Structure formats: C-alpha cells, structure tokens
PDB file of N, CA and C in Angstrom:
ATOM      1  N   UNK A   1       0.837  -1.270   0.050  1.00  0.00           N
ATOM      2  CA  UNK A   1      -0.007   0.038  -0.004  1.00  0.00           C
ATOM      3  C   UNK A   1       0.863   1.260  -0.032  1.00  0.00           C
ATOM      4  N   UNK A   2       1.984   1.243   0.739  1.00  0.00           N
ATOM      5  CA  UNK A   2       2.868   2.432   0.752  1.00  0.00           C
ATOM      6  C   UNK A   2       3.536   2.647  -0.602  1.00  0.00           C
ATOM      7  N   UNK A   3       3.820   1.603  -1.278  1.00  0.00           N
ATOM      8  CA  UNK A   3       4.398   1.637  -2.654  1.00  0.00           C
ATOM      9  C   UNK A   3       3.400   2.331  -3.610  1.00  0.00           C
ATOM     10  N   UNK A   4       2.093   2.026  -3.481  1.00  0.00           N
ATOM     11  CA  UNK A   4       1.074   2.573  -4.406  1.00  0.00           C
ATOM     12  C   UNK A   4       1.059   4.111  -4.109  1.00  0.00           C
ATOM     13  N   UNK A   5       1.112   4.527  -2.885  1.00  0.00           N
ATOM     14  CA  UNK A   5       1.058   5.887  -2.527  1.00  0.00           C
ATOM     15  C   UNK A   5       2.317   6.624  -3.047  1.00  0.00           C
ATOM     16  N   UNK A   6       3.530   6.044  -2.892  1.00  0.00           N
ATOM     17  CA  UNK A   6       4.712   6.583  -3.377  1.00  0.00           C
ATOM     18  C   UNK A   6       4.660   6.792  -4.808  1.00  0.00           C
ATOM     19  N   UNK A   7       4.222   5.794  -5.598  1.00  0.00           N
ATOM     20  CA  UNK A   7       4.123   5.881  -6.972  1.00  0.00           C
ATOM     21  C   UNK A   7       3.155   7.017  -7.428  1.00  0.00           C
ATOM     22  N   UNK A   8       1.960   7.100  -6.733  1.00  0.00           N
ATOM     23  CA  UNK A   8       1.106   8.118  -7.069  1.00  0.00           C
ATOM     24  C   UNK A   8       1.673   9.502  -6.740  1.00  0.00           C
ATOM     25  N   UNK A   9       2.407   9.693  -5.729  1.00  0.00           N
ATOM     26  CA  UNK A   9       3.069  10.901  -5.343  1.00  0.00           C
ATOM     27  C   UNK A   9       4.009  11.357  -6.457  1.00  0.00           C
ATOM     28  N   UNK A  10       4.915  10.390  -6.917  1.00  0.00           N
ATOM     29  CA  UNK A  10       5.875  10.623  -7.968  1.00  0.00           C
ATOM     30  C   UNK A  10       5.100  11.174  -9.262  1.00  0.00           C
ATOM     31  N   UNK A  11       4.040  10.486  -9.631  1.00  0.00           N
ATOM     32  CA  UNK A  11       3.234  10.918 -10.778  1.00  0.00           C
ATOM     33  C   UNK A  11       2.595  12.233 -10.498  1.00  0.00           C
ATOM     34  N   UNK A  12       2.050  12.523  -9.378  1.00  0.00           N
ATOM     35  CA  UNK A  12       1.525  13.869  -9.030  1.00  0.00           C
ATOM     36  C   UNK A  12       2.530  14.946  -9.140  1.00  0.00           C
ATOM     37  N   UNK A  13       3.842  14.628  -8.931  1.00  0.00           N
ATOM     38  CA  UNK A  13       4.969  15.589  -9.035  1.00  0.00           C
ATOM     39  C   UNK A  13       5.353  15.822 -10.462  1.00  0.00           C
ATOM     40  N   UNK A  14       4.780  15.112 -11.361  1.00  0.00           N
ATOM     41  CA  UNK A  14       5.051  15.320 -12.814  1.00  0.00           C
ATOM     42  C   UNK A  14       6.043  14.335 -13.448  1.00  0.00           C
ATOM     43  N   UNK A  15       6.406  13.399 -12.593  1.00  0.00           N
ATOM     44  CA  UNK A  15       7.382  12.344 -13.237  1.00  0.00           C
ATOM     45  C   UNK A  15       6.591  11.393 -13.994  1.00  0.00           C
ATOM     46  N   UNK A  16       7.275  10.866 -15.141  1.00  0.00           N
ATOM     47  CA  UNK A  16       6.559   9.883 -15.896  1.00  0.00           C
ATOM     48  C   UNK A  16       7.153   8.442 -15.542  1.00  0.00           C
ATOM     49  N   UNK A  17       6.279   7.562 -15.457  1.00  0.00           N
ATOM     50  CA  UNK A  17       6.665   6.114 -15.065  1.00  0.00           C
ATOM     51  C   UNK A  17       7.003   5.353 -16.313  1.00  0.00           C
ATOM     52  N   UNK A  18       8.165   4.622 -16.158  1.00  0.00           N
ATOM     53  CA  UNK A  18       8.651   3.753 -17.192  1.00  0.00           C
ATOM     54  C   UNK A  18       8.373   2.273 -16.841  1.00  0.00           C
ATOM     55  N   UNK A  19       8.428   1.435 -17.783  1.00  0.00           N
ATOM     56  CA  UNK A  19       8.122  -0.080 -17.581  1.00  0.00           C
ATOM     57  C   UNK A  19       9.068  -0.771 -16.617  1.00  0.00           C
ATOM     58  N   UNK A  20      10.207  -0.180 -16.550  1.00  0.00           N
ATOM     59  CA  UNK A  20      11.262  -0.810 -15.643  1.00  0.00           C
ATOM     60  C   UNK A  20      11.093  -0.422 -14.184  1.00  0.00           C
ATOM     61  N   UNK A  21      10.089   0.386 -13.856  1.00  0.00           N
ATOM     62  CA  UNK A  21       9.878   0.896 -12.442  1.00  0.00           C
ATOM     63  C   UNK A  21      10.519   2.179 -12.128  1.00  0.00           C
ATOM     64  N   UNK A  22      11.243   2.758 -13.160  1.00  0.00           N
ATOM     65  CA  UNK A  22      11.872   4.112 -12.861  1.00  0.00           C
ATOM     66  C   UNK A  22      10.902   5.226 -13.265  1.00  0.00           C
ATOM     67  N   UNK A  23      11.275   6.340 -12.817  1.00  0.00           N
ATOM     68  CA  UNK A  23      10.490   7.574 -13.249  1.00  0.00           C
ATOM     69  C   UNK A  23      11.396   8.630 -13.536  1.00  0.00           C
ATOM     70  N   UNK A  24      11.022   9.535 -14.519  1.00  0.00           N
ATOM     71  CA  UNK A  24      11.857  10.577 -14.898  1.00  0.00           C
ATOM     72  C   UNK A  24      11.039  11.814 -15.225  1.00  0.00           C
ATOM     73  N   UNK A  25      11.775  12.942 -15.225  1.00  0.00           N
ATOM     74  CA  UNK A  25      11.136  14.292 -15.577  1.00  0.00           C
ATOM     75  C   UNK A  25      12.157  15.073 -16.245  1.00  0.00           C
ATOM     76  N   UNK A  26      11.757  15.683 -17.393  1.00  0.00           N
ATOM     77  CA  UNK A  26      12.623  16.598 -18.116  1.00  0.00           C
ATOM     78  C   UNK A  26      12.220  18.073 -17.676  1.00  0.00           C
ATOM     79  N   UNK A  27      13.219  18.930 -17.448  1.00  0.00           N
ATOM     80  CA  UNK A  27      12.908  20.248 -17.069  1.00  0.00           C
ATOM     81  C   UNK A  27      12.445  21.070 -18.304  1.00  0.00           C
ATOM     82  N   UNK A  28      11.580  22.089 -17.928  1.00  0.00           N
ATOM     83  CA  UNK A  28      11.004  22.872 -18.998  1.00  0.00           C
ATOM     84  C   UNK A  28      12.048  23.850 -19.565  1.00  0.00           C
ATOM     85  N   UNK A  29      13.114  24.095 -18.838  1.00  0.00           N
ATOM     86  CA  UNK A  29      14.220  24.993 -19.198  1.00  0.00           C
ATOM     87  C   UNK A  29      15.506  24.159 -19.365  1.00  0.00           C
ATOM     88  N   UNK A  30      16.628  24.729 -19.129  1.00  0.00           N
ATOM     89  CA  UNK A  30      17.905  23.998 -19.271  1.00  0.00           C
ATOM     90  C   UNK A  30      18.343  23.435 -17.942  1.00  0.00           C
ATOM     91  N   UNK A  31      17.390  23.224 -16.961  1.00  0.00           N
ATOM     92  CA  UNK A  31      17.731  22.701 -15.697  1.00  0.00           C
ATOM     93  C   UNK A  31      18.125  21.245 -15.742  1.00  0.00           C
ATOM     94  N   UNK A  32      18.445  20.659 -14.508  1.00  0.00           N
ATOM     95  CA  UNK A  32      18.774  19.295 -14.518  1.00  0.00           C
ATOM     96  C   UNK A  32      17.637  18.401 -14.773  1.00  0.00           C
ATOM     97  N   UNK A  33      18.011  17.194 -15.284  1.00  0.00           N
ATOM     98  CA  UNK A  33      16.981  16.081 -15.457  1.00  0.00           C
ATOM     99  C   UNK A  33      16.986  15.348 -14.160  1.00  0.00           C
ATOM    100  N   UNK A  34      15.701  14.790 -13.851  1.00  0.00           N
ATOM    101  CA  UNK A  34      15.425  14.078 -12.512  1.00  0.00           C
ATOM    102  C   UNK A  34      15.146  12.602 -12.991  1.00  0.00           C
ATOM    103  N   UNK A  35      15.757  11.611 -12.311  1.00  0.00           N
ATOM    104  CA  UNK A  35      15.426  10.243 -12.458  1.00  0.00           C
ATOM    105  C   UNK A  35      15.231   9.652 -11.099  1.00  0.00           C
ATOM    106  N   UNK A  36      14.205   8.912 -10.878  1.00  0.00           N
ATOM    107  CA  UNK A  36      13.975   8.191  -9.654  1.00  0.00           C
ATOM    108  C   UNK A  36      13.742   6.722  -9.866  1.00  0.00           C
ATOM    109  N   UNK A  37      14.382   5.892  -9.124  1.00  0.00           N
ATOM    110  CA  UNK A  37      14.184   4.431  -9.272  1.00  0.00           C
ATOM    111  C   UNK A  37      13.576   3.933  -8.015  1.00  0.00           C
ATOM    112  N   UNK A  38      12.571   3.124  -8.043  1.00  0.00           N
ATOM    113  CA  UNK A  38      11.841   2.589  -6.936  1.00  0.00           C
ATOM    114  C   UNK A  38      11.901   1.042  -7.019  1.00  0.00           C
ATOM    115  N   UNK A  39      12.364   0.410  -5.981  1.00  0.00           N
ATOM    116  CA  UNK A  39      12.414  -1.086  -5.971  1.00  0.00           C
ATOM    117  C   UNK A  39      11.820  -1.466  -4.656  1.00  0.00           C
ATOM    118  N   UNK A  40      11.167  -2.611  -4.712  1.00  0.00           N
ATOM    119  CA  UNK A  40      10.639  -3.213  -3.379  1.00  0.00           C
ATOM    120  C   UNK A  40      10.755  -4.653  -3.315  1.00  0.00           C
ATOM    121  N   UNK A  41      11.044  -5.158  -2.138  1.00  0.00           N
ATOM    122  CA  UNK A  41      11.136  -6.646  -1.998  1.00  0.00           C
ATOM    123  C   UNK A  41      10.722  -6.881  -0.487  1.00  0.00           C
ATOM    124  N   UNK A  42       9.821  -7.828  -0.357  1.00  0.00           N
ATOM    125  CA  UNK A  42       9.276  -8.094   0.945  1.00  0.00           C
ATOM    126  C   UNK A  42       8.789  -6.770   1.639  1.00  0.00           C
ATOM    127  N   UNK A  43       9.242  -6.497   2.770  1.00  0.00           N
ATOM    128  CA  UNK A  43       8.864  -5.307   3.528  1.00  0.00           C
ATOM    129  C   UNK A  43       9.775  -4.116   3.307  1.00  0.00           C
ATOM    130  N   UNK A  44      10.699  -4.247   2.392  1.00  0.00           N
ATOM    131  CA  UNK A  44      11.767  -3.213   2.128  1.00  0.00           C
ATOM    132  C   UNK A  44      11.460  -2.491   0.881  1.00  0.00           C
ATOM    133  N   UNK A  45      11.834  -1.140   0.891  1.00  0.00           N
ATOM    134  CA  UNK A  45      11.535  -0.319  -0.229  1.00  0.00           C
ATOM    135  C   UNK A  45      12.886   0.488  -0.475  1.00  0.00           C
ATOM    136  N   UNK A  46      13.419   0.571  -1.712  1.00  0.00           N
ATOM    137  CA  UNK A  46      14.628   1.259  -2.046  1.00  0.00           C
ATOM    138  C   UNK A  46      14.094   2.360  -2.994  1.00  0.00           C
ATOM    139  N   UNK A  47      14.609   3.530  -2.741  1.00  0.00           N
ATOM    140  CA  UNK A  47      14.379   4.713  -3.615  1.00  0.00           C
ATOM    141  C   UNK A  47      15.652   5.444  -3.848  1.00  0.00           C
ATOM    142  N   UNK A  48      16.079   5.586  -5.118  1.00  0.00           N
ATOM    143  CA  UNK A  48      17.326   6.227  -5.602  1.00  0.00           C
ATOM    144  C   UNK A  48      16.933   7.379  -6.454  1.00  0.00           C
ATOM    145  N   UNK A  49      17.395   8.615  -6.175  1.00  0.00           N
ATOM    146  CA  UNK A  49      17.087   9.789  -6.943  1.00  0.00           C
ATOM    147  C   UNK A  49      18.463  10.266  -7.524  1.00  0.00           C
ATOM    148  N   UNK A  50      18.365  10.685  -8.719  1.00  0.00           N
ATOM    149  CA  UNK A  50      19.594  11.157  -9.447  1.00  0.00           C
ATOM    150  C   UNK A  50      19.214  12.458 -10.187  1.00  0.00           C
ATOM    151  N   UNK A  51      19.944  13.537 -10.121  1.00  0.00           N
ATOM    152  CA  UNK A  51      19.737  14.693 -10.911  1.00  0.00           C
ATOM    153  C   UNK A  51      20.974  14.970 -11.698  1.00  0.00           C
ATOM    154  N   UNK A  52      20.902  15.273 -12.960  1.00  0.00           N
ATOM    155  CA  UNK A  52      22.027  15.551 -13.745  1.00  0.00           C
ATOM    156  C   UNK A  52      21.561  16.437 -14.924  1.00  0.00           C
ATOM    157  N   UNK A  53      22.608  17.120 -15.466  1.00  0.00           N
ATOM    158  CA  UNK A  53      22.331  18.023 -16.651  1.00  0.00           C
ATOM    159  C   UNK A  53      22.617  17.266 -17.879  1.00  0.00           C
ATOM    160  N   UNK A  54      21.712  17.145 -18.792  1.00  0.00           N
ATOM    161  CA  UNK A  54      22.038  16.420 -20.096  1.00  0.00           C
ATOM    162  C   UNK A  54      23.062  17.242 -20.829  1.00  0.00           C
ATOM    163  N   UNK A  55      23.940  16.450 -21.552  1.00  0.00           N
ATOM    164  CA  UNK A  55      24.990  17.047 -22.367  1.00  0.00           C
ATOM    165  C   UNK A  55      24.358  17.700 -23.611  1.00  0.00           C
ATOM    166  N   UNK A  56      24.656  18.967 -23.917  1.00  0.00           N
ATOM    167  CA  UNK A  56      23.973  19.668 -25.028  1.00  0.00           C
ATOM    168  C   UNK A  56      24.415  19.102 -26.386  1.00  0.00           C
TER     169      UNK A  56
END
C-alpha cells in the first residue's frame, strides 16, 4: 500500500513512469533532469534519486 502511495506521489509531481519501475522528468528549461528508481522486496523499499544536466 505504501508503494502505491509513493508511485502516485511521484506521478503527481510530474514524473513519468517507465516499464522498468523508474520515473523521470525533463525540465522545462535548461535545468537538471530528474530520475527516480523505486524497488521493493518483501517489507523493504529502495528509492534512488539522481539529478544531472544532459549534455547539449
């Protein structure tokens, strides 16, 4: 149930969900790209967030 809420929150923040369980958002300007990976196993949840600037 917590995973469902986390996924909905990420979508509500404007991130797009991918088939591999990751989420990403492209900035509207030249700001950094955001990628979030969510994994869960048993009672454990792992969330990794990365921000980076795409190479022009």
